[in-house]
Amino acid sequence: MDIRLPIQPRPSGARKKGIGSQAHVKREPITHGYFKSFDGTKLFYSVEGQGKPLVFCYGLVCSSLHWTYQIDYFQTGYQTIWFDYRGHHNSETPKDLSSLTIGNIAHDLQLLLDELKIDKPVLLGHSMGVNVVLDFYRMHPERVHGMVLANGTAQRPLETLFRNNALQTAFELLKKAHQKSPDLVSNFLKLQKGNPLARTLIGIGGFNPNLTPKEDIELYVSQVLEMDPSILIHLIQNYNSYDATSWLHTIQAPTLIIAGQQDRVVPVEQQELMKQLISGSQLEIIHHGSHCPQMDLPDLVNVKIERFLKEISYGSRSIPTTGSANQSNATDPSPAL
């Protein structure tokens, strides 16, 4: 399908060579494409590598940046797939902004899997992407081989963000300001790109700045501040009403839950709750990990994910590694912070 949209390449920050480094490995060909969703919105997707499919879903107004080190690693042994949500980056903004819901993004995911003729992948979700994966499972449990749920919550996130409900009031103020003057709110947010304090606060809130490359944090902050506030507002409004706690006990697919010990955005208690509700699930708490442990300590998280995939017999071609370290015996490096 020939759709003239600007393609933003998947970013990747600088990383030192270590366990799981792919610096020496020839990259697999990347296939970009577009598919038309149920309401005609054109959505972008990317496929890299060959083998069993791993489908990556990112968080609220985020991007594939948040899974870039996992895609880089697993593309040598799996088919790695991600897509831009409606209203995000390379995808079109829907004509009806009320269609920006978790359920519709999960429906978009179903149509992407239909487009690519993929039956039972392993789905990986981060933050709000956890809810996208969960809602897809709710609608199509027979189409899920397994799930990796990183730093997510199964219920109303604004009630527990930063371990208090202050953001509920802040969100209502933002929504009212946007209703009165959308251009003013949009321009104000864009001006914060040059505000070092705003950039620092956003960075500290979502990452461990001692571990995640500075350029990755800078890129994320820029992406957030460039996003149309109306997209953020509509998604948060729906996201904050999401509650899967009443049916998580019905999940039968193998599930790995990942938490950051120092997650300030979605506290680790929320992942511990999901562990209690999803029978047979595993919980891995990443020491020193923030809301983005897969970016803070990607080698460690890759080891955890790869071990889980082997446990559920979701095989791959051999994934090359560098260094003398044995991935299967890798442990938390516990860096001095």
Protein backbone atom coordinates (compact mmCIF):
# COMPACT_ATOMS: atom_id res chain seq x y z
CA MET A 1 0.00 0.00 0.00
CA ASP A 2 1.55 3.30 -1.05
CA ILE A 3 0.94 5.73 1.79
CA ARG A 4 2.92 8.95 1.96
CA LEU A 5 3.69 9.31 5.64
CA PRO A 6 7.07 10.35 7.08
CA ILE A 7 8.82 7.27 8.43
CA GLN A 8 10.67 7.78 11.69
CA PRO A 9 13.36 5.11 12.03
CA ARG A 10 13.52 3.06 15.19
CA PRO A 11 16.06 4.84 17.40
CA SER A 12 18.84 3.20 19.38
CA GLY A 13 21.12 4.72 21.99
CA ALA A 14 24.79 3.99 22.44
CA ARG A 15 25.53 0.90 24.50
CA LYS A 16 28.75 -0.63 25.70
CA LYS A 17 29.42 -4.16 24.54
CA GLY A 18 28.31 -6.76 27.05
CA ILE A 19 26.01 -9.69 27.49
CA GLY A 20 23.67 -9.79 24.53
CA SER A 21 25.47 -7.07 22.56
CA GLN A 22 24.64 -7.18 18.86
CA ALA A 23 27.31 -4.72 17.73
CA HIS A 24 29.11 -7.38 15.72
CA VAL A 25 26.01 -9.04 14.24
CA LYS A 26 24.79 -8.23 10.76
CA ARG A 27 21.33 -6.71 11.05
CA GLU A 28 18.40 -8.57 9.59
CA PRO A 29 16.47 -6.83 6.76
CA ILE A 30 13.71 -4.57 8.01
CA THR A 31 10.32 -4.54 6.32
CA HIS A 32 8.11 -1.48 6.81
CA GLY A 33 4.49 -1.42 5.84
CA TYR A 34 1.05 0.05 6.45
CA PHE A 35 -2.32 -1.51 7.01
CA LYS A 36 -5.77 0.02 7.16
CA SER A 37 -7.63 -0.45 10.42
CA PHE A 38 -11.35 -0.99 11.01
CA ASP A 39 -12.13 2.76 10.73
CA GLY A 40 -9.85 3.47 7.78
CA THR A 41 -6.95 4.81 9.87
CA LYS A 42 -3.62 3.89 8.23
CA LEU A 43 -1.19 2.36 10.71
CA PHE A 44 2.54 1.75 10.38
CA TYR A 45 4.32 -1.48 11.26
CA SER A 46 7.85 -2.86 11.12
CA VAL A 47 9.11 -6.45 10.85
CA GLU A 48 12.71 -7.43 11.50
CA GLY A 49 14.33 -10.87 11.64
CA GLN A 50 13.02 -14.37 11.03
CA GLY A 51 11.65 -17.13 13.23
CA LYS A 52 8.93 -17.28 15.86
CA PRO A 53 7.15 -13.89 16.12
CA LEU A 54 7.62 -11.54 19.06
CA VAL A 55 5.24 -8.57 18.99
CA PHE A 56 6.26 -5.49 20.99
CA CYS A 57 3.73 -2.96 22.30
CA TYR A 58 4.96 0.30 23.84
CA GLY A 59 3.42 2.63 26.40
CA LEU A 60 1.39 5.83 26.52
CA VAL A 61 2.62 8.34 23.91
CA CYS A 62 5.89 6.41 23.73
CA SER A 63 7.55 4.72 20.75
CA SER A 64 9.54 1.66 19.71
CA LEU A 65 12.48 3.36 21.45
CA HIS A 66 11.28 1.70 24.65
CA TRP A 67 11.84 -1.79 23.20
CA THR A 68 14.78 -0.98 20.92
CA TYR A 69 17.39 -3.00 22.84
CA GLN A 70 15.14 -6.06 22.92
CA ILE A 71 14.33 -5.76 19.20
CA ASP A 72 18.05 -5.36 18.45
CA TYR A 73 18.84 -8.48 20.43
CA PHE A 74 15.99 -10.83 19.51
CA GLN A 75 15.86 -9.99 15.78
CA THR A 76 18.80 -12.38 15.26
CA GLY A 77 16.72 -15.38 16.34
CA TYR A 78 13.08 -14.31 16.13
CA GLN A 79 10.78 -12.29 13.92
CA THR A 80 10.41 -9.03 15.85
CA ILE A 81 7.37 -6.87 15.11
CA TRP A 82 6.15 -3.51 16.36
CA PHE A 83 3.58 -0.98 15.20
CA ASP A 84 2.78 2.66 15.83
CA TYR A 85 -0.52 3.21 17.58
CA ARG A 86 -3.21 5.38 16.03
CA GLY A 87 -2.16 9.01 16.38
CA HIS A 88 1.48 8.08 17.05
CA HIS A 89 4.54 8.88 14.93
CA ASN A 90 4.33 7.15 11.50
CA SER A 91 0.63 6.25 11.83
CA GLU A 92 -2.31 8.47 10.97
CA THR A 93 -4.39 10.25 13.57
CA PRO A 94 -7.96 8.93 13.45
CA LYS A 95 -10.67 11.32 12.33
CA ASP A 96 -12.61 10.49 15.48
CA LEU A 97 -10.32 11.07 18.47
CA SER A 98 -12.74 9.17 20.71
CA SER A 99 -11.45 6.03 18.95
CA LEU A 100 -8.19 6.43 20.92
CA THR A 101 -8.89 3.63 23.38
CA ILE A 102 -7.06 0.58 24.73
CA GLY A 103 -9.71 -1.66 23.18
CA ASN A 104 -9.32 -0.13 19.73
CA ILE A 105 -5.52 -0.37 19.86
CA ALA A 106 -5.91 -4.04 20.78
CA HIS A 107 -8.27 -4.36 17.79
CA ASP A 108 -5.61 -2.70 15.63
CA LEU A 109 -3.15 -5.32 16.89
CA GLN A 110 -5.53 -8.09 15.83
CA LEU A 111 -5.78 -6.62 12.34
CA LEU A 112 -1.98 -6.35 12.13
CA LEU A 113 -1.60 -10.03 13.02
CA ASP A 114 -4.24 -10.85 10.39
CA GLU A 115 -2.33 -8.74 7.85
CA LEU A 116 0.92 -10.59 8.61
CA LYS A 117 -0.85 -13.98 8.89
CA ILE A 118 0.48 -14.53 12.41
CA ASP A 119 -1.46 -16.91 14.62
CA LYS A 120 -0.03 -17.37 18.16
CA PRO A 121 2.82 -14.98 18.91
CA VAL A 122 4.37 -14.02 22.21
CA LEU A 123 3.21 -10.48 23.01
CA LEU A 124 5.41 -8.07 24.95
CA GLY A 125 3.89 -4.94 26.49
CA HIS A 126 5.48 -2.09 28.42
CA SER A 127 3.50 0.28 30.67
CA MET A 128 0.22 1.03 28.82
CA GLY A 129 1.32 -1.61 26.31
CA VAL A 130 0.61 -4.13 29.09
CA ASN A 131 -3.06 -3.14 28.89
CA VAL A 132 -3.03 -3.42 25.09
CA VAL A 133 -1.65 -6.96 25.40
CA LEU A 134 -4.10 -7.87 28.16
CA ASP A 135 -7.07 -6.57 26.19
CA PHE A 136 -5.95 -8.49 23.11
CA TYR A 137 -5.78 -11.62 25.26
CA ARG A 138 -9.24 -10.91 26.67
CA MET A 139 -10.65 -10.79 23.15
CA HIS A 140 -8.53 -13.55 21.57
CA PRO A 141 -7.01 -15.87 24.20
CA GLU A 142 -6.61 -18.62 21.62
CA ARG A 143 -4.22 -16.41 19.61
CA VAL A 144 -1.64 -15.86 22.37
CA HIS A 145 1.25 -18.25 23.02
CA GLY A 146 2.60 -16.20 25.93
CA MET A 147 2.90 -12.71 27.37
CA VAL A 148 5.66 -10.52 28.79
CA LEU A 149 4.15 -7.70 30.87
CA ALA A 150 6.66 -5.02 31.88
CA ASN A 151 5.98 -2.21 34.36
CA GLY A 152 2.25 -2.18 33.89
CA THR A 153 -0.83 -1.98 36.04
CA ALA A 154 -4.11 -3.84 35.62
CA GLN A 155 -6.22 -1.06 37.07
CA ARG A 156 -6.76 2.73 36.85
CA PRO A 157 -3.17 4.03 36.68
CA LEU A 158 -3.75 7.61 37.84
CA GLU A 159 -4.86 6.31 41.25
CA THR A 160 -1.42 4.89 42.00
CA LEU A 161 1.03 6.82 39.77
CA PHE A 162 3.96 7.96 41.92
CA ARG A 163 2.15 6.22 44.84
CA ASN A 164 -0.52 8.90 45.14
CA ASN A 165 -3.55 10.16 43.23
CA ALA A 166 -2.37 13.75 42.70
CA LEU A 167 -2.11 13.22 38.96
CA GLN A 168 -5.86 12.76 38.73
CA THR A 169 -6.28 16.42 39.69
CA ALA A 170 -3.43 17.47 37.39
CA PHE A 171 -5.02 15.59 34.48
CA GLU A 172 -8.39 17.28 35.04
CA LEU A 173 -6.67 20.68 35.00
CA LEU A 174 -4.85 19.81 31.77
CA LYS A 175 -8.07 18.63 30.17
CA LYS A 176 -9.95 21.83 31.10
CA ALA A 177 -7.09 24.03 29.89
CA HIS A 178 -7.00 22.15 26.58
CA GLN A 179 -10.76 22.51 26.14
CA LYS A 180 -10.48 26.30 26.59
CA SER A 181 -7.35 26.83 24.48
CA PRO A 182 -5.88 23.77 22.72
CA ASP A 183 -3.32 25.82 20.80
CA LEU A 184 -2.05 27.46 23.97
CA VAL A 185 -1.53 24.07 25.68
CA SER A 186 0.15 22.62 22.61
CA ASN A 187 2.52 25.58 22.28
CA PHE A 188 3.30 25.53 26.00
CA LEU A 189 4.31 21.86 25.87
CA LYS A 190 6.49 22.41 22.81
CA LEU A 191 8.26 25.27 24.57
CA GLN A 192 9.24 22.84 27.35
CA LYS A 193 11.59 21.11 24.90
CA GLY A 194 14.08 23.85 25.67
CA ASN A 195 13.41 23.82 29.40
CA PRO A 196 16.18 21.85 31.11
CA LEU A 197 14.15 21.48 34.32
CA ALA A 198 11.19 19.95 32.48
CA ARG A 199 13.46 17.59 30.58
CA THR A 200 15.24 16.56 33.78
CA LEU A 201 12.01 15.91 35.68
CA ILE A 202 10.55 13.80 32.87
CA GLY A 203 13.80 11.88 32.56
CA ILE A 204 14.18 11.18 36.27
CA GLY A 205 10.52 10.17 36.52
CA GLY A 206 10.69 7.48 33.86
CA PHE A 207 14.29 6.25 33.79
CA ASN A 208 17.32 5.54 35.92
CA PRO A 209 19.54 8.34 34.55
CA ASN A 210 22.63 6.56 35.89
CA LEU A 211 21.96 3.63 33.55
CA THR A 212 19.88 4.68 30.54
CA PRO A 213 21.88 6.52 27.85
CA LYS A 214 21.30 10.28 27.96
CA GLU A 215 20.49 10.41 24.24
CA ASP A 216 17.65 7.89 24.74
CA ILE A 217 16.14 9.99 27.51
CA GLU A 218 16.50 13.17 25.42
CA LEU A 219 14.79 11.52 22.46
CA TYR A 220 11.90 10.28 24.58
CA VAL A 221 11.32 13.71 26.13
CA SER A 222 11.27 15.28 22.67
CA GLN A 223 8.76 12.70 21.44
CA VAL A 224 6.44 13.34 24.38
CA LEU A 225 6.52 17.12 24.02
CA GLU A 226 5.95 16.96 20.26
CA MET A 227 2.84 14.80 20.64
CA ASP A 228 -0.53 16.45 20.05
CA PRO A 229 -1.96 16.96 23.59
CA SER A 230 -5.42 15.90 22.40
CA ILE A 231 -4.05 12.40 21.72
CA LEU A 232 -2.56 12.24 25.19
CA ILE A 233 -5.76 13.46 26.81
CA HIS A 234 -8.07 11.03 25.02
CA LEU A 235 -5.81 8.07 25.73
CA ILE A 236 -5.30 8.92 29.41
CA GLN A 237 -9.04 9.34 29.87
CA ASN A 238 -9.67 5.83 28.56
CA TYR A 239 -6.56 4.32 30.15
CA ASN A 240 -7.55 5.59 33.59
CA SER A 241 -10.87 3.73 33.42
CA TYR A 242 -9.19 0.44 32.52
CA ASP A 243 -9.57 -2.36 35.07
CA ALA A 244 -8.74 -6.00 34.32
CA THR A 245 -8.53 -7.24 37.91
CA SER A 246 -11.89 -9.04 37.71
CA TRP A 247 -10.75 -11.41 34.96
CA LEU A 248 -6.96 -11.78 35.28
CA HIS A 249 -7.51 -15.08 37.12
CA THR A 250 -8.86 -16.56 33.86
CA ILE A 251 -5.55 -16.11 32.01
CA GLN A 252 -4.03 -19.43 30.97
CA ALA A 253 -1.23 -18.25 28.70
CA PRO A 254 2.29 -18.40 30.20
CA THR A 255 3.07 -14.95 31.59
CA LEU A 256 6.28 -13.23 32.64
CA ILE A 257 5.83 -10.04 34.67
CA ILE A 258 8.76 -7.61 34.84
CA ALA A 259 9.04 -4.84 37.43
CA GLY A 260 11.58 -2.12 38.13
CA GLN A 261 12.55 -2.03 41.79
CA GLN A 262 12.79 1.77 41.61
CA ASP A 263 9.80 2.37 39.33
CA ARG A 264 8.36 5.76 40.33
CA VAL A 265 5.65 5.77 37.66
CA VAL A 266 3.93 2.40 38.18
CA PRO A 267 5.04 1.13 41.60
CA VAL A 268 6.22 -2.46 41.90
CA GLU A 269 3.18 -3.26 44.06
CA GLN A 270 1.08 -3.15 40.89
CA GLN A 271 3.17 -5.87 39.26
CA GLU A 272 3.04 -7.90 42.49
CA LEU A 273 -0.76 -7.66 42.34
CA MET A 274 -0.79 -8.98 38.77
CA LYS A 275 1.45 -11.86 39.89
CA GLN A 276 -1.11 -12.77 42.55
CA LEU A 277 -4.04 -12.60 40.11
CA ILE A 278 -2.52 -14.41 37.11
CA SER A 279 -2.16 -18.06 38.05
CA GLY A 280 1.24 -19.56 37.31
CA SER A 281 2.79 -16.25 36.27
CA GLN A 282 6.41 -15.37 37.00
CA LEU A 283 7.59 -12.07 38.47
CA GLU A 284 11.10 -10.71 37.87
CA ILE A 285 12.02 -7.57 39.83
CA ILE A 286 14.95 -5.78 38.22
CA HIS A 287 17.29 -4.38 40.86
CA HIS A 288 18.01 -0.67 40.17
CA GLY A 289 15.38 -0.75 37.42
CA SER A 290 13.17 2.29 36.86
CA HIS A 291 9.91 2.45 34.91
CA CYS A 292 12.03 1.35 31.92
CA PRO A 293 14.28 -1.48 33.20
CA GLN A 294 14.48 -2.83 29.65
CA MET A 295 16.41 0.36 28.80
CA ASP A 296 18.27 0.72 32.10
CA LEU A 297 19.63 -2.83 32.10
CA PRO A 298 18.78 -4.31 28.69
CA ASP A 299 21.22 -7.21 28.85
CA LEU A 300 19.73 -8.47 32.11
CA VAL A 301 16.15 -8.05 30.88
CA ASN A 302 17.01 -9.82 27.61
CA VAL A 303 18.33 -12.78 29.62
CA LYS A 304 15.11 -12.92 31.65
CA ILE A 305 12.95 -12.82 28.52
CA GLU A 306 15.05 -15.38 26.67
CA ARG A 307 14.94 -17.77 29.63
CA PHE A 308 11.14 -17.42 29.74
CA LEU A 309 10.85 -18.13 26.00
CA LYS A 310 12.88 -21.31 26.44
CA GLU A 311 10.75 -22.40 29.40
CA ILE A 312 7.57 -22.12 27.33
CA SER A 313 9.21 -23.92 24.37
CA TYR A 314 9.09 -20.89 22.14
CA GLY A 315 12.29 -21.72 20.29
CA SER A 316 14.47 -19.64 18.03
CA ARG A 317 17.53 -19.79 15.90
CA SER A 318 20.72 -19.36 17.90
CA ILE A 319 21.21 -15.76 19.05
CA PRO A 320 24.88 -14.75 18.77
CA THR A 321 26.46 -13.01 21.75
CA THR A 322 29.76 -11.36 22.51
CA GLY A 323 32.11 -11.66 25.44
CA SER A 324 32.84 -14.62 27.64
CA ALA A 325 29.79 -14.20 29.86
CA ASN A 326 27.24 -16.98 29.74
CA GLN A 327 23.77 -15.52 29.29
CA SER A 328 21.95 -18.36 30.98
CA ASN A 329 23.92 -17.68 34.17
CA ALA A 330 23.73 -13.89 33.98
CA THR A 331 22.70 -12.16 37.15
CA ASP A 332 21.91 -8.61 38.18
CA PRO A 333 25.21 -6.71 37.90
CA SER A 334 24.17 -4.51 40.84
CA PRO A 335 26.03 -1.42 39.67
CA ALA A 336 27.11 1.09 42.27
CA LEU A 337 24.74 4.06 42.02
